[in-house]
Amino acid sequence: MKSWDAERGIDYRTEDFVRSDSRRDRGATASIITLDMVAGSLCTAAIWILPPSRARVVTISMLGGARAEINMNSILPKRLTLTGSTLAVAHRAQKAAVAEAMRRNVWPLLAAGRVKPVIHQTFPLAEACDAHRLMESSSHIGKIVLTL
């Protein structure tokens, strides 16, 4: 098992982040889980590891399923916030505001090389079916990119 590090994401398929002794021994806890794309049964584990400090779980996708059984006793004493977000149903003005915030706050970090996307594999557009199969397998870490 890899040690838990607040500066990186957690691969829930290979790391038992709930039982990670190295994480607890160092006193490390997550203060926020951003962009949870798994949800489902993993939501319960995410809630368990959060510290009692008004932390948040922000779910933006449900790759692990739309249902989760949550014990409210794990939320109330910690003062946790569970929230979800999607742009699919957002108004055009909301989408424009998100795009502008990305242009202003994220693109400069990408241009400076301070933030780098993780690219798992690149496919020519003619191999889009192969790229889609890889995506459906959920065996990748990072982005799958189609090129012209």
C-alpha atoms as a PDB file:
ATOM      1  CA  MET A   1       0.000   0.000   0.000  1.00  0.00           C
ATOM      2  CA  LYS A   2       1.305   3.458  -0.865  1.00  0.00           C
ATOM      3  CA  SER A   3       1.522   6.046   1.875  1.00  0.00           C
ATOM      4  CA  TRP A   4      -1.121   8.749   1.814  1.00  0.00           C
ATOM      5  CA  ASP A   5      -0.006  12.193   0.762  1.00  0.00           C
ATOM      6  CA  ALA A   6      -2.125  15.345   0.877  1.00  0.00           C
ATOM      7  CA  GLU A   7      -0.421  16.637  -2.266  1.00  0.00           C
ATOM      8  CA  ARG A   8      -1.801  13.952  -4.585  1.00  0.00           C
ATOM      9  CA  GLY A   9      -4.948  12.140  -5.439  1.00  0.00           C
ATOM     10  CA  ILE A  10      -5.765   8.714  -4.083  1.00  0.00           C
ATOM     11  CA  ASP A  11      -6.230   5.707  -6.351  1.00  0.00           C
ATOM     12  CA  TYR A  12      -9.040   4.001  -4.476  1.00  0.00           C
ATOM     13  CA  ARG A  13      -8.565   0.840  -6.576  1.00  0.00           C
ATOM     14  CA  THR A  14      -5.018   0.188  -5.356  1.00  0.00           C
ATOM     15  CA  GLU A  15      -4.859   2.041  -2.028  1.00  0.00           C
ATOM     16  CA  ASP A  16      -6.904   1.380   1.073  1.00  0.00           C
ATOM     17  CA  PHE A  17      -7.055   5.022   2.082  1.00  0.00           C
ATOM     18  CA  VAL A  18      -9.441   4.286   4.958  1.00  0.00           C
ATOM     19  CA  ARG A  19      -7.118   1.835   6.693  1.00  0.00           C
ATOM     20  CA  SER A  20      -3.836   3.467   5.729  1.00  0.00           C
ATOM     21  CA  ASP A  21      -1.745   3.286   8.899  1.00  0.00           C
ATOM     22  CA  SER A  22       0.898   5.549   7.396  1.00  0.00           C
ATOM     23  CA  ARG A  23      -1.727   8.274   6.888  1.00  0.00           C
ATOM     24  CA  ARG A  24      -3.031   8.065  10.450  1.00  0.00           C
ATOM     25  CA  ASP A  25       0.419   7.640  12.022  1.00  0.00           C
ATOM     26  CA  ARG A  26       1.543  10.927  10.498  1.00  0.00           C
ATOM     27  CA  GLY A  27      -1.649  12.630  11.626  1.00  0.00           C
ATOM     28  CA  ALA A  28      -2.627  13.363   8.036  1.00  0.00           C
ATOM     29  CA  THR A  29      -6.279  13.846   7.224  1.00  0.00           C
ATOM     30  CA  ALA A  30      -8.084  15.186   4.217  1.00  0.00           C
ATOM     31  CA  SER A  31      -9.773  18.511   4.808  1.00  0.00           C
ATOM     32  CA  ILE A  32     -11.736  18.388   1.590  1.00  0.00           C
ATOM     33  CA  ILE A  33     -12.476  15.781  -0.999  1.00  0.00           C
ATOM     34  CA  THR A  34     -12.894  17.627  -4.236  1.00  0.00           C
ATOM     35  CA  LEU A  35     -14.292  16.315  -7.439  1.00  0.00           C
ATOM     36  CA  ASP A  36     -15.363  12.912  -6.188  1.00  0.00           C
ATOM     37  CA  MET A  37     -16.176  11.091  -9.396  1.00  0.00           C
ATOM     38  CA  VAL A  38     -16.899   7.709  -7.858  1.00  0.00           C
ATOM     39  CA  ALA A  39     -19.668   8.208  -5.279  1.00  0.00           C
ATOM     40  CA  GLY A  40     -21.604   4.998  -4.582  1.00  0.00           C
ATOM     41  CA  SER A  41     -20.162   2.864  -1.818  1.00  0.00           C
ATOM     42  CA  LEU A  42     -16.933   4.879  -1.808  1.00  0.00           C
ATOM     43  CA  CYS A  43     -18.850   7.877  -0.451  1.00  0.00           C
ATOM     44  CA  THR A  44     -19.149   6.136   2.929  1.00  0.00           C
ATOM     45  CA  ALA A  45     -15.378   5.643   3.083  1.00  0.00           C
ATOM     46  CA  ALA A  46     -14.722   9.234   2.040  1.00  0.00           C
ATOM     47  CA  ILE A  47     -16.937  10.498   4.856  1.00  0.00           C
ATOM     48  CA  TRP A  48     -15.177   8.260   7.391  1.00  0.00           C
ATOM     49  CA  ILE A  49     -11.698   9.697   6.723  1.00  0.00           C
ATOM     50  CA  LEU A  50     -12.685  13.357   6.881  1.00  0.00           C
ATOM     51  CA  PRO A  51     -11.728  15.246  10.044  1.00  0.00           C
ATOM     52  CA  PRO A  52     -14.251  17.079  12.235  1.00  0.00           C
ATOM     53  CA  SER A  53     -13.631  20.475  10.698  1.00  0.00           C
ATOM     54  CA  ARG A  54     -16.495  21.333   8.378  1.00  0.00           C
ATOM     55  CA  ALA A  55     -14.902  19.358   5.537  1.00  0.00           C
ATOM     56  CA  ARG A  56     -16.730  18.791   2.253  1.00  0.00           C
ATOM     57  CA  VAL A  57     -17.331  16.005  -0.223  1.00  0.00           C
ATOM     58  CA  VAL A  58     -18.057  17.430  -3.672  1.00  0.00           C
ATOM     59  CA  THR A  59     -19.421  14.797  -6.050  1.00  0.00           C
ATOM     60  CA  ILE A  60     -19.366  15.528  -9.773  1.00  0.00           C
ATOM     61  CA  SER A  61     -19.967  12.045 -11.167  1.00  0.00           C
ATOM     62  CA  MET A  62     -21.226   8.657 -10.063  1.00  0.00           C
ATOM     63  CA  LEU A  63     -18.927   6.084 -11.649  1.00  0.00           C
ATOM     64  CA  GLY A  64     -19.409   3.871  -8.576  1.00  0.00           C
ATOM     65  CA  GLY A  65     -23.183   4.126  -8.722  1.00  0.00           C
ATOM     66  CA  ALA A  66     -25.884   6.579  -7.750  1.00  0.00           C
ATOM     67  CA  ARG A  67     -26.712   5.022  -4.390  1.00  0.00           C
ATOM     68  CA  ALA A  68     -24.775   5.163  -1.147  1.00  0.00           C
ATOM     69  CA  GLU A  69     -25.773   4.137   2.358  1.00  0.00           C
ATOM     70  CA  ILE A  70     -24.670   6.888   4.702  1.00  0.00           C
ATOM     71  CA  ASN A  71     -24.675   6.765   8.474  1.00  0.00           C
ATOM     72  CA  MET A  72     -25.709  10.246   9.596  1.00  0.00           C
ATOM     73  CA  ASN A  73     -23.751   9.678  12.831  1.00  0.00           C
ATOM     74  CA  SER A  74     -20.602  10.036  10.741  1.00  0.00           C
ATOM     75  CA  ILE A  75     -21.705  13.411   9.325  1.00  0.00           C
ATOM     76  CA  LEU A  76     -23.334  15.355  12.157  1.00  0.00           C
ATOM     77  CA  PRO A  77     -20.546  15.367  14.782  1.00  0.00           C
ATOM     78  CA  LYS A  78     -17.981  16.267  12.113  1.00  0.00           C
ATOM     79  CA  ARG A  79     -20.126  19.086  10.659  1.00  0.00           C
ATOM     80  CA  LEU A  80     -19.561  17.747   7.137  1.00  0.00           C
ATOM     81  CA  THR A  81     -21.052  19.059   3.924  1.00  0.00           C
ATOM     82  CA  LEU A  82     -22.045  16.711   1.113  1.00  0.00           C
ATOM     83  CA  THR A  83     -22.728  18.432  -2.163  1.00  0.00           C
ATOM     84  CA  GLY A  84     -22.944  17.666  -5.833  1.00  0.00           C
ATOM     85  CA  SER A  85     -22.443  19.660  -8.981  1.00  0.00           C
ATOM     86  CA  THR A  86     -22.854  19.277 -12.709  1.00  0.00           C
ATOM     87  CA  LEU A  87     -22.709  21.676 -15.612  1.00  0.00           C
ATOM     88  CA  ALA A  88     -25.067  19.533 -17.677  1.00  0.00           C
ATOM     89  CA  VAL A  89     -28.151  21.356 -16.388  1.00  0.00           C
ATOM     90  CA  ALA A  90     -26.528  24.752 -15.798  1.00  0.00           C
ATOM     91  CA  HIS A  91     -27.749  27.855 -17.582  1.00  0.00           C
ATOM     92  CA  ARG A  92     -25.608  29.323 -20.344  1.00  0.00           C
ATOM     93  CA  ALA A  93     -24.570  32.242 -18.088  1.00  0.00           C
ATOM     94  CA  GLN A  94     -23.396  29.825 -15.371  1.00  0.00           C
ATOM     95  CA  LYS A  95     -21.359  27.846 -17.897  1.00  0.00           C
ATOM     96  CA  ALA A  96     -19.842  31.088 -19.208  1.00  0.00           C
ATOM     97  CA  ALA A  97     -18.892  32.127 -15.660  1.00  0.00           C
ATOM     98  CA  VAL A  98     -17.166  28.775 -15.082  1.00  0.00           C
ATOM     99  CA  ALA A  99     -15.304  29.098 -18.393  1.00  0.00           C
ATOM    100  CA  GLU A 100     -14.179  32.623 -17.495  1.00  0.00           C
ATOM    101  CA  ALA A 101     -12.998  31.505 -14.029  1.00  0.00           C
ATOM    102  CA  MET A 102     -11.036  28.678 -15.675  1.00  0.00           C
ATOM    103  CA  ARG A 103      -9.469  31.115 -18.142  1.00  0.00           C
ATOM    104  CA  ARG A 104      -8.518  33.507 -15.355  1.00  0.00           C
ATOM    105  CA  ASN A 105      -7.420  31.031 -12.639  1.00  0.00           C
ATOM    106  CA  VAL A 106      -6.480  27.698 -14.208  1.00  0.00           C
ATOM    107  CA  TRP A 107      -5.040  28.416 -17.663  1.00  0.00           C
ATOM    108  CA  PRO A 108      -2.211  30.586 -16.265  1.00  0.00           C
ATOM    109  CA  LEU A 109      -1.180  27.692 -13.986  1.00  0.00           C
ATOM    110  CA  LEU A 110      -1.183  25.304 -16.950  1.00  0.00           C
ATOM    111  CA  ALA A 111       0.775  27.773 -19.117  1.00  0.00           C
ATOM    112  CA  ALA A 112       3.376  28.231 -16.346  1.00  0.00           C
ATOM    113  CA  GLY A 113       3.730  24.470 -15.921  1.00  0.00           C
ATOM    114  CA  ARG A 114       2.653  24.656 -12.257  1.00  0.00           C
ATOM    115  CA  VAL A 115      -0.278  22.332 -12.935  1.00  0.00           C
ATOM    116  CA  LYS A 116       0.063  19.475 -15.379  1.00  0.00           C
ATOM    117  CA  PRO A 117      -2.770  17.209 -16.483  1.00  0.00           C
ATOM    118  CA  VAL A 118      -2.159  13.500 -16.174  1.00  0.00           C
ATOM    119  CA  ILE A 119      -2.523  12.017 -19.658  1.00  0.00           C
ATOM    120  CA  HIS A 120      -2.923   8.255 -19.613  1.00  0.00           C
ATOM    121  CA  GLN A 121      -2.953   7.683 -23.364  1.00  0.00           C
ATOM    122  CA  THR A 122      -3.416   9.545 -26.642  1.00  0.00           C
ATOM    123  CA  PHE A 123      -5.356   8.105 -29.590  1.00  0.00           C
ATOM    124  CA  PRO A 124      -5.784   9.386 -33.148  1.00  0.00           C
ATOM    125  CA  LEU A 125      -9.401  10.239 -33.885  1.00  0.00           C
ATOM    126  CA  ALA A 126      -9.627   7.203 -36.173  1.00  0.00           C
ATOM    127  CA  GLU A 127      -9.115   5.024 -33.056  1.00  0.00           C
ATOM    128  CA  ALA A 128     -11.892   6.660 -31.017  1.00  0.00           C
ATOM    129  CA  CYS A 129     -13.544   3.257 -30.490  1.00  0.00           C
ATOM    130  CA  ASP A 130     -10.368   1.965 -28.794  1.00  0.00           C
ATOM    131  CA  ALA A 131     -10.210   5.092 -26.645  1.00  0.00           C
ATOM    132  CA  HIS A 132     -13.840   4.613 -25.629  1.00  0.00           C
ATOM    133  CA  ARG A 133     -13.216   0.965 -24.713  1.00  0.00           C
ATOM    134  CA  LEU A 134     -10.324   2.057 -22.506  1.00  0.00           C
ATOM    135  CA  MET A 135     -12.527   4.655 -20.840  1.00  0.00           C
ATOM    136  CA  GLU A 136     -15.281   2.089 -20.207  1.00  0.00           C
ATOM    137  CA  SER A 137     -12.755  -0.295 -18.644  1.00  0.00           C
ATOM    138  CA  SER A 138     -11.904   2.257 -15.916  1.00  0.00           C
ATOM    139  CA  SER A 139      -8.366   0.893 -15.981  1.00  0.00           C
ATOM    140  CA  HIS A 140      -6.812   4.267 -16.707  1.00  0.00           C
ATOM    141  CA  ILE A 141      -5.485   6.971 -14.418  1.00  0.00           C
ATOM    142  CA  GLY A 142      -5.681  10.386 -16.015  1.00  0.00           C
ATOM    143  CA  LYS A 143      -7.095  11.679 -19.248  1.00  0.00           C
ATOM    144  CA  ILE A 144      -7.649   9.871 -22.509  1.00  0.00           C
ATOM    145  CA  VAL A 145      -6.971  12.259 -25.374  1.00  0.00           C
ATOM    146  CA  LEU A 146      -8.180  12.098 -28.990  1.00  0.00           C
ATOM    147  CA  THR A 147      -6.003  13.878 -31.549  1.00  0.00           C
ATOM    148  CA  LEU A 148      -6.616  14.913 -35.144  1.00  0.00           C
END
